[in-house]
Amino acid sequence: MYHGKKKFTFDDPEDSYWNESGNGSTASSLFDDLPSKQWAARVAVDNLFDTKDNTQPPPPPLTHPTTTAPQTRQAADADRTQINLASAPPLSREKLVDNFLHSRAAAGRGVSGMSMSPERALPGAPSITSECSASSLPSEAQRLDLDYSRLRAEHRKLQKHLETVRHERFRPLNVKETIRRLMRGDPVSLDLYRTKAEKMELLDSAIDHVDSQVIQPVVLFLKRTLSDSIFRSILLEKKEVAEEYITHLKRHKDYAELATTLFCLGRNADAAMIEYAAALKTKMPEQKVKALRNVCQTAFSDPQLAHEAGLVSQHASLLEMQIAIEAGDAQSKSDIFKQFPRNAPLVGQSAVATLYYCSLYHYDLPMTSQANPQKIREFLGISEKEFRWTAASALTRQSRWPDIERLLQPKGVMGAIQQKALQANTKLVCPFSWNNLFYVLHSNTSLPPKDVIFSSLFLFVIFN
């Protein structure tokens, strides 16, 4: 007995095309060429039966008497039964086939105990094949045709969606949506904004949100896609954009681009200091001198920066002097370098440290020597107060007390000063504090002689 399968239906309206009826054009097309399908099924079953006949031995001849007339007539009537499937309705075809098979089975049971010919023992193979195929073949073909129709509809739907996505792929998002994604940190493509008007609209919207996380990507996008002249004009017009771009350059230590941007914005002093700081990062002393000379001629060429340019020039001259003194001391075999070993190289030290170094190791050199402390004071513009204090500290380390007295009484004027102070009863000012001098004198490991202490105390009483 045939048992029909329950069909599955979709509730979603978008998938309603899957719920197609099996009684439509698809079902009617299954029996358009029914005779050819029956013939193909008969050939397949004949081949199957021929194979079985070849593999089994032929049956022995029957000795039973032939069938009676009523039985023969019943089998003939069953053979003459024909089912016109092409003209029957689609829903009654399966019932007709089932009735036919039941009648054949009953006829076979009725003559099972009688002798019959091999041709009448069972229904003909082509007849069974034709009727059985009529019930099984349409359902399979119907299912295949229905699946094909559904897949074709799904393909059209996906193709339409793909065309829509491909079309929208090269269209920029709304500016508000782009800003929202930037604020959330979501990935977004800014390259779809091609015209200058679209880019400026995006920049204005980013500035309105006052968020560095939004402004910085937009500014870098404009820097990458716009010409330098247009980008510089935008920096001049919009202060927020300029500050954000400068902060980005400082964070990534792009000093060359930072100095160029500051010069374009008219901030020459800031740009000059950036180039000066970049020149100081040079490792080799000779190359550092060249970099400082170049900065002095270019970055500090503004007349308003004349004072700063002089300081940079003095820095370069100090480096040149330190390089020369360091080269000479490296080959020197003086005992003072053994008595007071050097703890650090001279190159790169400050002006006061250089003066202290020369007062410690080269105090007795003539004025023609480049390392003479007095010449260094004049060359670097060090004041008299700084010179006396620094030289007294270096001489105290060597316990050169007579030189300290001479240092405190320059040019032999000390007696005249004391006499003038006693006569006019006026107060004289020492170049530096006498308390500091006593501290320097007593900070040495060896105490100064008593005459030096008495002389210092005498001067302290006179000046104070």
Protein backbone atom coordinates (compact mmCIF):
# COMPACT_ATOMS: atom_id res chain seq x y z
CA MET A 1 0.00 0.00 0.00
CA TYR A 2 1.34 3.42 -0.85
CA HIS A 3 2.00 5.78 2.01
CA GLY A 4 2.30 9.44 1.06
CA LYS A 5 5.00 11.66 2.60
CA LYS A 6 4.04 14.77 4.48
CA LYS A 7 5.45 17.88 2.86
CA PHE A 8 7.34 20.46 4.91
CA THR A 9 6.30 24.11 4.56
CA PHE A 10 8.11 27.32 5.59
CA ASP A 11 6.37 29.93 7.75
CA ASP A 12 8.68 32.82 6.83
CA PRO A 13 7.13 34.97 4.04
CA GLU A 14 10.56 35.49 2.51
CA ASP A 15 10.87 31.68 1.99
CA SER A 16 7.32 31.20 0.68
CA TYR A 17 8.61 30.27 -2.74
CA TRP A 18 9.76 26.97 -1.20
CA ASN A 19 6.12 26.05 -0.46
CA GLU A 20 5.24 25.28 -4.06
CA SER A 21 2.36 22.96 -4.85
CA GLY A 22 3.11 19.62 -6.39
CA ASN A 23 -0.06 19.74 -8.56
CA GLY A 24 1.07 22.57 -10.77
CA SER A 25 3.05 22.72 -13.94
CA THR A 26 5.89 20.71 -12.38
CA ALA A 27 3.68 17.68 -11.73
CA SER A 28 2.00 17.87 -15.11
CA SER A 29 5.33 17.86 -16.85
CA LEU A 30 6.29 14.50 -15.35
CA PHE A 31 3.95 12.47 -17.63
CA ASP A 32 4.51 14.38 -20.86
CA ASP A 33 6.77 11.57 -22.11
CA LEU A 34 5.38 8.63 -20.12
CA PRO A 35 5.66 5.92 -22.84
CA SER A 36 9.36 6.53 -23.30
CA LYS A 37 9.91 6.32 -19.54
CA GLN A 38 7.97 3.04 -19.36
CA TRP A 39 9.99 1.60 -22.20
CA ALA A 40 13.27 2.50 -20.48
CA ALA A 41 12.11 0.88 -17.24
CA ARG A 42 11.10 -2.32 -19.08
CA VAL A 43 14.51 -2.57 -20.70
CA ALA A 44 16.23 -2.20 -17.32
CA VAL A 45 14.13 -4.94 -15.72
CA ASP A 46 14.56 -7.25 -18.73
CA ASN A 47 18.28 -6.95 -18.35
CA LEU A 48 17.93 -7.83 -14.68
CA PHE A 49 15.81 -10.90 -15.40
CA ASP A 50 18.13 -12.01 -18.21
CA THR A 51 21.03 -11.89 -15.77
CA LYS A 52 19.17 -14.06 -13.28
CA ASP A 53 18.24 -16.61 -16.00
CA ASN A 54 21.85 -16.90 -17.11
CA THR A 55 23.16 -17.50 -13.58
CA GLN A 56 20.53 -20.16 -12.59
CA PRO A 57 20.00 -23.56 -14.28
CA PRO A 58 16.85 -23.95 -16.39
CA PRO A 59 13.86 -25.44 -14.54
CA PRO A 60 12.97 -29.08 -15.24
CA PRO A 61 10.03 -29.73 -17.55
CA LEU A 62 6.69 -29.95 -15.83
CA THR A 63 4.69 -33.21 -16.02
CA HIS A 64 1.53 -31.84 -14.53
CA PRO A 65 -1.47 -31.46 -16.78
CA THR A 66 -2.25 -28.19 -18.29
CA THR A 67 -4.37 -25.63 -16.57
CA THR A 68 -8.08 -25.75 -16.70
CA ALA A 69 -10.13 -23.44 -18.84
CA PRO A 70 -11.50 -21.21 -16.05
CA GLN A 71 -8.06 -20.64 -14.61
CA THR A 72 -6.61 -19.86 -18.00
CA ARG A 73 -9.45 -17.48 -18.71
CA GLN A 74 -8.86 -15.69 -15.37
CA ALA A 75 -5.18 -15.17 -16.13
CA ALA A 76 -5.94 -13.95 -19.62
CA ASP A 77 -8.45 -11.48 -18.27
CA ALA A 78 -5.84 -10.22 -15.86
CA ASP A 79 -3.32 -9.77 -18.68
CA ARG A 80 -5.86 -7.91 -20.73
CA THR A 81 -6.34 -5.41 -17.93
CA GLN A 82 -4.76 -2.16 -19.05
CA ILE A 83 -4.39 1.02 -17.03
CA ASN A 84 -4.40 4.25 -18.93
CA LEU A 85 -2.14 6.31 -16.63
CA ALA A 86 -1.84 9.18 -19.05
CA SER A 87 -5.58 9.83 -19.03
CA ALA A 88 -6.13 9.18 -15.28
CA PRO A 89 -6.01 12.08 -12.79
CA PRO A 90 -2.72 12.54 -10.92
CA LEU A 91 -4.17 11.58 -7.52
CA SER A 92 -5.82 8.30 -8.76
CA ARG A 93 -2.82 6.88 -10.65
CA GLU A 94 -1.27 5.35 -7.57
CA LYS A 95 -4.58 3.72 -6.57
CA LEU A 96 -4.98 2.14 -10.01
CA VAL A 97 -1.49 0.69 -9.85
CA ASP A 98 -2.12 -0.73 -6.36
CA ASN A 99 -5.37 -2.41 -7.48
CA PHE A 100 -3.61 -3.92 -10.48
CA LEU A 101 -0.81 -5.37 -8.35
CA HIS A 102 -3.32 -6.85 -5.87
CA SER A 103 -5.24 -8.56 -8.67
CA ARG A 104 -2.06 -10.06 -10.07
CA ALA A 105 -1.02 -11.31 -6.66
CA ALA A 106 -4.43 -12.96 -6.14
CA ALA A 107 -4.24 -14.65 -9.53
CA GLY A 108 -0.79 -15.97 -8.71
CA ARG A 109 -2.01 -17.46 -5.41
CA GLY A 110 -4.98 -19.13 -7.17
CA VAL A 111 -2.85 -21.08 -9.61
CA SER A 112 0.05 -21.80 -7.26
CA GLY A 113 -1.08 -25.38 -6.71
CA MET A 114 -1.57 -26.13 -10.40
CA SER A 115 0.85 -26.74 -13.16
CA MET A 116 1.43 -23.85 -15.42
CA SER A 117 3.87 -22.75 -18.00
CA PRO A 118 6.80 -20.53 -17.01
CA GLU A 119 5.26 -17.72 -18.97
CA ARG A 120 2.01 -17.85 -16.92
CA ALA A 121 3.54 -18.59 -13.50
CA LEU A 122 4.20 -14.89 -12.80
CA PRO A 123 3.09 -11.73 -14.55
CA GLY A 124 5.26 -10.63 -17.39
CA ALA A 125 8.33 -8.66 -16.40
CA PRO A 126 7.67 -5.83 -18.84
CA SER A 127 4.10 -5.49 -17.56
CA ILE A 128 5.16 -5.33 -13.90
CA THR A 129 7.92 -2.91 -14.72
CA SER A 130 5.65 -0.59 -16.62
CA GLU A 131 3.03 -0.43 -13.89
CA CYS A 132 5.48 -0.14 -10.97
CA SER A 133 7.51 2.46 -12.71
CA ALA A 134 4.42 4.55 -13.19
CA SER A 135 4.01 4.89 -9.42
CA SER A 136 7.66 5.35 -8.44
CA LEU A 137 9.20 7.34 -11.28
CA PRO A 138 6.92 10.43 -11.18
CA SER A 139 7.52 11.06 -7.44
CA GLU A 140 11.32 11.02 -7.88
CA ALA A 141 11.23 13.26 -10.94
CA GLN A 142 8.78 15.56 -9.24
CA ARG A 143 11.12 15.95 -6.27
CA LEU A 144 14.10 16.67 -8.51
CA ASP A 145 12.21 19.27 -10.51
CA LEU A 146 10.99 20.94 -7.33
CA ASP A 147 14.49 21.06 -5.84
CA TYR A 148 15.82 22.51 -9.06
CA SER A 149 13.17 25.24 -9.05
CA ARG A 150 13.94 26.13 -5.47
CA LEU A 151 17.68 26.25 -6.03
CA ARG A 152 17.19 28.43 -9.07
CA ALA A 153 15.06 30.86 -7.03
CA GLU A 154 17.65 30.91 -4.26
CA HIS A 155 20.38 31.56 -6.80
CA ARG A 156 18.48 34.54 -8.19
CA LYS A 157 18.01 35.90 -4.67
CA LEU A 158 21.70 35.57 -3.78
CA GLN A 159 22.78 37.05 -7.10
CA LYS A 160 20.58 40.08 -6.53
CA HIS A 161 22.00 40.52 -3.02
CA LEU A 162 25.54 40.22 -4.36
CA GLU A 163 24.91 42.91 -6.95
CA THR A 164 23.55 45.20 -4.25
CA VAL A 165 26.56 44.67 -1.99
CA ARG A 166 28.96 45.15 -4.89
CA HIS A 167 27.26 48.39 -5.82
CA GLU A 168 27.35 49.72 -2.25
CA ARG A 169 30.95 48.63 -1.73
CA PHE A 170 32.35 51.64 -3.56
CA ARG A 171 29.98 54.16 -1.99
CA PRO A 172 31.09 56.01 1.17
CA LEU A 173 29.13 55.69 4.35
CA ASN A 174 27.20 58.54 5.83
CA VAL A 175 29.45 61.02 7.66
CA LYS A 176 27.60 60.49 10.92
CA GLU A 177 27.95 56.73 10.63
CA THR A 178 31.68 57.07 9.91
CA ILE A 179 32.20 59.33 12.94
CA ARG A 180 30.21 56.92 15.10
CA ARG A 181 32.43 54.01 14.04
CA LEU A 182 35.58 56.03 14.71
CA MET A 183 34.37 56.91 18.20
CA ARG A 184 33.65 53.25 18.92
CA GLY A 185 36.98 52.12 17.48
CA ASP A 186 35.37 50.04 14.73
CA PRO A 187 37.19 49.58 11.39
CA VAL A 188 36.07 51.99 8.70
CA SER A 189 37.42 52.87 5.25
CA LEU A 190 38.02 56.58 4.65
CA ASP A 191 39.38 56.11 1.13
CA LEU A 192 35.84 56.14 -0.28
CA TYR A 193 35.68 59.90 0.37
CA ARG A 194 37.26 61.09 -2.87
CA THR A 195 36.26 64.71 -3.41
CA LYS A 196 37.59 67.62 -1.40
CA ALA A 197 34.08 68.61 -0.34
CA GLU A 198 33.42 65.17 1.14
CA LYS A 199 36.75 65.24 2.98
CA MET A 200 36.13 68.70 4.42
CA GLU A 201 32.66 67.67 5.56
CA LEU A 202 34.17 64.67 7.31
CA LEU A 203 36.84 66.88 8.94
CA ASP A 204 34.31 69.43 10.18
CA SER A 205 32.18 66.70 11.70
CA ALA A 206 35.24 65.24 13.44
CA ILE A 207 36.20 68.65 14.88
CA ASP A 208 32.67 69.14 16.22
CA HIS A 209 33.00 65.98 18.31
CA VAL A 210 36.24 67.28 19.95
CA ASP A 211 37.68 63.78 20.21
CA SER A 212 41.34 63.10 19.48
CA GLN A 213 40.52 59.50 18.55
CA VAL A 214 38.27 60.83 15.77
CA ILE A 215 40.27 63.86 14.59
CA GLN A 216 43.65 62.17 14.28
CA PRO A 217 42.63 59.45 11.73
CA VAL A 218 40.85 62.05 9.61
CA VAL A 219 43.87 64.41 9.70
CA LEU A 220 46.25 61.63 8.69
CA PHE A 221 43.85 60.65 5.90
CA LEU A 222 43.87 64.23 4.59
CA LYS A 223 47.68 64.34 4.82
CA ARG A 224 47.90 61.16 2.74
CA THR A 225 45.36 62.07 0.07
CA LEU A 226 45.73 65.85 -0.35
CA SER A 227 48.60 67.85 -1.77
CA ASP A 228 51.02 69.58 0.61
CA SER A 229 49.81 73.07 -0.26
CA ILE A 230 46.15 72.24 0.38
CA PHE A 231 46.99 70.42 3.59
CA ARG A 232 49.10 73.35 4.87
CA SER A 233 46.26 75.74 4.14
CA ILE A 234 43.91 73.54 6.17
CA LEU A 235 46.36 73.62 9.08
CA LEU A 236 46.48 77.41 8.91
CA GLU A 237 42.69 77.70 8.86
CA LYS A 238 41.86 75.16 11.56
CA LYS A 239 43.88 75.43 14.77
CA GLU A 240 42.49 72.19 16.21
CA VAL A 241 43.76 70.24 13.22
CA ALA A 242 47.22 71.82 13.50
CA GLU A 243 47.56 71.02 17.20
CA GLU A 244 46.45 67.43 16.67
CA TYR A 245 48.90 66.95 13.82
CA ILE A 246 51.78 68.46 15.84
CA THR A 247 50.98 66.18 18.77
CA HIS A 248 51.04 63.18 16.45
CA LEU A 249 54.45 64.17 15.05
CA LYS A 250 55.91 64.66 18.53
CA ARG A 251 54.59 61.30 19.67
CA HIS A 252 56.20 59.54 16.70
CA LYS A 253 59.41 61.67 16.90
CA ASP A 254 59.19 62.82 13.29
CA TYR A 255 61.30 65.93 13.92
CA ALA A 256 61.92 66.80 10.28
CA GLU A 257 58.21 66.98 9.44
CA LEU A 258 57.49 68.68 12.77
CA ALA A 259 60.00 71.47 12.11
CA THR A 260 58.68 71.97 8.57
CA THR A 261 55.10 72.18 9.85
CA LEU A 262 56.00 74.69 12.56
CA PHE A 263 57.82 76.89 10.06
CA CYS A 264 54.77 76.81 7.78
CA LEU A 265 52.57 77.84 10.69
CA GLY A 266 54.86 80.80 11.46
CA ARG A 267 56.15 79.37 14.75
CA ASN A 268 59.82 79.93 13.94
CA ALA A 269 61.11 79.82 17.52
CA ASP A 270 59.48 76.45 18.18
CA ALA A 271 60.73 75.08 14.88
CA ALA A 272 64.28 76.30 15.60
CA MET A 273 64.30 74.64 19.01
CA ILE A 274 63.06 71.39 17.46
CA GLU A 275 65.95 71.42 14.98
CA TYR A 276 68.39 72.33 17.75
CA ALA A 277 67.18 69.39 19.85
CA ALA A 278 67.50 67.09 16.85
CA ALA A 279 71.09 68.29 16.27
CA LEU A 280 72.01 67.53 19.88
CA LYS A 281 70.97 63.90 19.40
CA THR A 282 73.89 63.35 17.02
CA LYS A 283 76.34 60.86 18.52
CA MET A 284 79.65 61.76 16.86
CA PRO A 285 81.17 65.03 18.22
CA GLU A 286 82.43 66.20 14.82
CA GLN A 287 79.05 65.61 13.19
CA LYS A 288 77.32 67.33 16.09
CA VAL A 289 79.43 70.46 15.51
CA LYS A 290 78.44 70.49 11.84
CA ALA A 291 74.78 70.03 12.72
CA LEU A 292 74.89 72.93 15.18
CA ARG A 293 76.55 75.18 12.60
CA ASN A 294 73.88 74.25 10.08
CA VAL A 295 71.07 74.92 12.55
CA CYS A 296 72.58 78.29 13.45
CA GLN A 297 72.55 79.34 9.79
CA THR A 298 69.10 78.02 8.88
CA ALA A 299 66.72 77.64 11.80
CA PHE A 300 68.04 80.66 13.74
CA SER A 301 68.32 82.94 10.73
CA ASP A 302 65.28 84.92 11.88
CA PRO A 303 66.43 88.37 13.15
CA GLN A 304 64.21 87.94 16.19
CA LEU A 305 66.31 84.91 17.16
CA ALA A 306 69.70 86.65 16.98
CA HIS A 307 70.43 86.14 20.68
CA GLU A 308 69.58 82.44 20.52
CA ALA A 309 71.71 82.10 17.39
CA GLY A 310 74.72 83.47 19.32
CA LEU A 311 74.22 80.91 22.07
CA VAL A 312 74.06 78.07 19.56
CA SER A 313 77.26 79.36 17.95
CA GLN A 314 79.00 79.41 21.35
CA HIS A 315 77.85 75.84 21.95
CA ALA A 316 79.44 74.74 18.69
CA SER A 317 82.66 76.61 19.55
CA LEU A 318 82.74 74.98 23.00
CA LEU A 319 82.45 71.55 21.40
CA GLU A 320 85.30 72.33 19.03
CA MET A 321 87.46 73.48 21.98
CA GLN A 322 86.61 70.38 24.00
CA ILE A 323 87.47 68.10 21.08
CA ALA A 324 90.89 69.76 20.71
CA ILE A 325 91.68 69.65 24.47
CA GLU A 326 90.48 66.03 24.73
CA ALA A 327 92.73 64.99 21.86
CA GLY A 328 95.76 66.66 23.49
CA ASP A 329 95.12 65.21 26.96
CA ALA A 330 94.66 61.70 25.55
CA GLN A 331 98.35 61.73 24.52
CA SER A 332 99.64 63.58 27.62
CA LYS A 333 101.75 61.74 30.21
CA SER A 334 101.62 64.38 32.96
CA ASP A 335 101.67 63.24 36.58
CA ILE A 336 98.60 65.26 37.43
CA PHE A 337 96.43 62.87 35.37
CA LYS A 338 97.79 60.03 37.50
CA GLN A 339 97.24 61.95 40.73
CA PHE A 340 93.71 63.00 39.73
CA PRO A 341 92.39 60.49 37.17
CA ARG A 342 89.63 61.64 34.86
CA ASN A 343 86.23 60.16 35.55
CA ALA A 344 84.48 61.23 32.34
CA PRO A 345 85.43 62.60 28.91
CA LEU A 346 85.52 66.35 28.48
CA VAL A 347 83.52 66.45 25.24
CA GLY A 348 79.90 67.27 25.90
CA GLN A 349 80.42 68.91 29.30
CA SER A 350 79.09 72.35 30.22
CA ALA A 351 81.07 75.61 30.12
CA VAL A 352 81.56 75.70 33.91
CA ALA A 353 82.66 72.05 33.94
CA THR A 354 85.15 72.81 31.15
CA LEU A 355 86.53 75.75 33.15
CA TYR A 356 86.90 73.54 36.23
CA TYR A 357 88.65 70.85 34.14
CA CYS A 358 91.16 73.34 32.73
CA SER A 359 91.72 74.93 36.17
CA LEU A 360 92.49 71.50 37.59
CA TYR A 361 94.75 70.14 34.84
CA HIS A 362 95.96 73.22 32.89
CA TYR A 363 96.05 76.11 35.37
CA ASP A 364 99.73 76.87 34.72
CA LEU A 365 99.52 76.97 30.91
CA PRO A 366 100.32 80.28 29.22
CA MET A 367 97.64 82.54 27.79
CA THR A 368 98.52 81.42 24.28
CA SER A 369 97.35 77.90 25.07
CA GLN A 370 93.80 76.99 24.19
CA ALA A 371 93.30 75.22 27.53
CA ASN A 372 94.28 78.20 29.72
CA PRO A 373 91.44 78.91 32.20
CA GLN A 374 91.65 82.69 31.77
CA LYS A 375 91.42 82.36 28.00
CA ILE A 376 88.46 80.03 28.29
CA ARG A 377 86.76 82.55 30.57
CA GLU A 378 87.21 85.29 27.98
CA PHE A 379 86.20 83.04 25.08
CA LEU A 380 83.02 81.75 26.71
CA GLY A 381 82.10 85.04 28.38
CA ILE A 382 82.15 83.67 31.92
CA SER A 383 81.79 86.32 34.61
CA GLU A 384 84.56 87.14 37.11
CA LYS A 385 82.54 85.78 39.99
CA GLU A 386 82.02 82.40 38.29
CA PHE A 387 85.67 82.25 37.27
CA ARG A 388 87.04 82.88 40.80
CA TRP A 389 84.65 80.46 42.45
CA THR A 390 85.34 77.65 39.92
CA ALA A 391 89.12 78.20 39.95
CA ALA A 392 89.23 78.32 43.78
CA SER A 393 87.37 74.98 43.92
CA ALA A 394 89.86 73.34 41.53
CA LEU A 395 92.92 74.79 43.30
CA THR A 396 91.62 73.75 46.72
CA ARG A 397 91.48 70.14 45.54
CA GLN A 398 95.21 70.38 44.74
CA SER A 399 95.96 72.27 48.02
CA ARG A 400 97.51 75.17 46.12
CA TRP A 401 96.93 77.76 48.81
CA PRO A 402 99.29 80.47 47.51
CA ASP A 403 97.51 80.37 44.15
CA ILE A 404 94.21 80.74 45.95
CA GLU A 405 95.52 83.85 47.72
CA ARG A 406 96.69 85.31 44.46
CA LEU A 407 93.35 84.45 42.90
CA LEU A 408 91.57 86.40 45.64
CA GLN A 409 93.97 89.33 45.23
CA PRO A 410 94.02 89.90 41.49
CA LYS A 411 96.43 92.40 39.90
CA GLY A 412 97.98 93.28 43.31
CA VAL A 413 95.14 95.64 44.20
CA MET A 414 94.26 93.95 47.48
CA GLY A 415 96.33 96.28 49.65
CA ALA A 416 94.88 99.37 48.00
CA ILE A 417 91.38 98.03 48.51
CA GLN A 418 91.99 97.38 52.19
CA GLN A 419 93.55 100.82 52.69
CA LYS A 420 90.65 102.47 50.89
CA ALA A 421 88.18 100.57 53.02
CA LEU A 422 89.87 101.67 56.23
CA GLN A 423 90.09 105.34 55.17
CA ALA A 424 86.65 105.84 53.59
CA ASN A 425 84.94 103.46 56.00
CA THR A 426 82.94 102.03 53.06
CA LYS A 427 81.70 98.46 52.75
CA LEU A 428 83.21 96.40 49.90
CA VAL A 429 81.38 93.50 48.25
CA CYS A 430 83.18 90.20 47.75
CA PRO A 431 82.61 88.50 44.33
CA PHE A 432 81.09 85.53 46.19
CA SER A 433 80.14 84.71 49.73
CA TRP A 434 82.99 84.34 52.22
CA ASN A 435 81.05 81.63 53.94
CA ASN A 436 81.20 79.63 50.73
CA LEU A 437 84.94 80.25 50.52
CA PHE A 438 85.45 78.88 54.04
CA TYR A 439 83.35 75.87 53.10
CA VAL A 440 85.50 75.23 50.04
CA LEU A 441 88.73 75.64 52.01
CA HIS A 442 87.68 73.20 54.70
CA SER A 443 86.05 70.69 52.34
CA ASN A 444 89.48 69.52 51.23
CA THR A 445 90.98 66.48 52.93
CA SER A 446 94.02 68.47 54.08
CA LEU A 447 93.42 71.63 56.06
CA PRO A 448 94.95 74.89 54.80
CA PRO A 449 97.87 76.50 56.67
CA LYS A 450 97.15 78.82 59.55
CA ASP A 451 98.43 81.88 57.74
CA VAL A 452 95.90 81.27 54.97
CA ILE A 453 93.09 80.87 57.48
CA PHE A 454 94.22 84.06 59.33
CA SER A 455 94.44 86.00 56.06
CA SER A 456 90.96 84.81 55.05
CA LEU A 457 89.50 85.75 58.38
CA PHE A 458 91.19 89.16 58.19
CA LEU A 459 89.68 89.81 54.77
CA PHE A 460 86.30 88.59 55.99
CA VAL A 461 86.39 91.07 58.87
CA ILE A 462 87.40 93.92 56.56
CA PHE A 463 84.76 93.25 53.89
CA ASN A 464 81.96 92.63 56.37
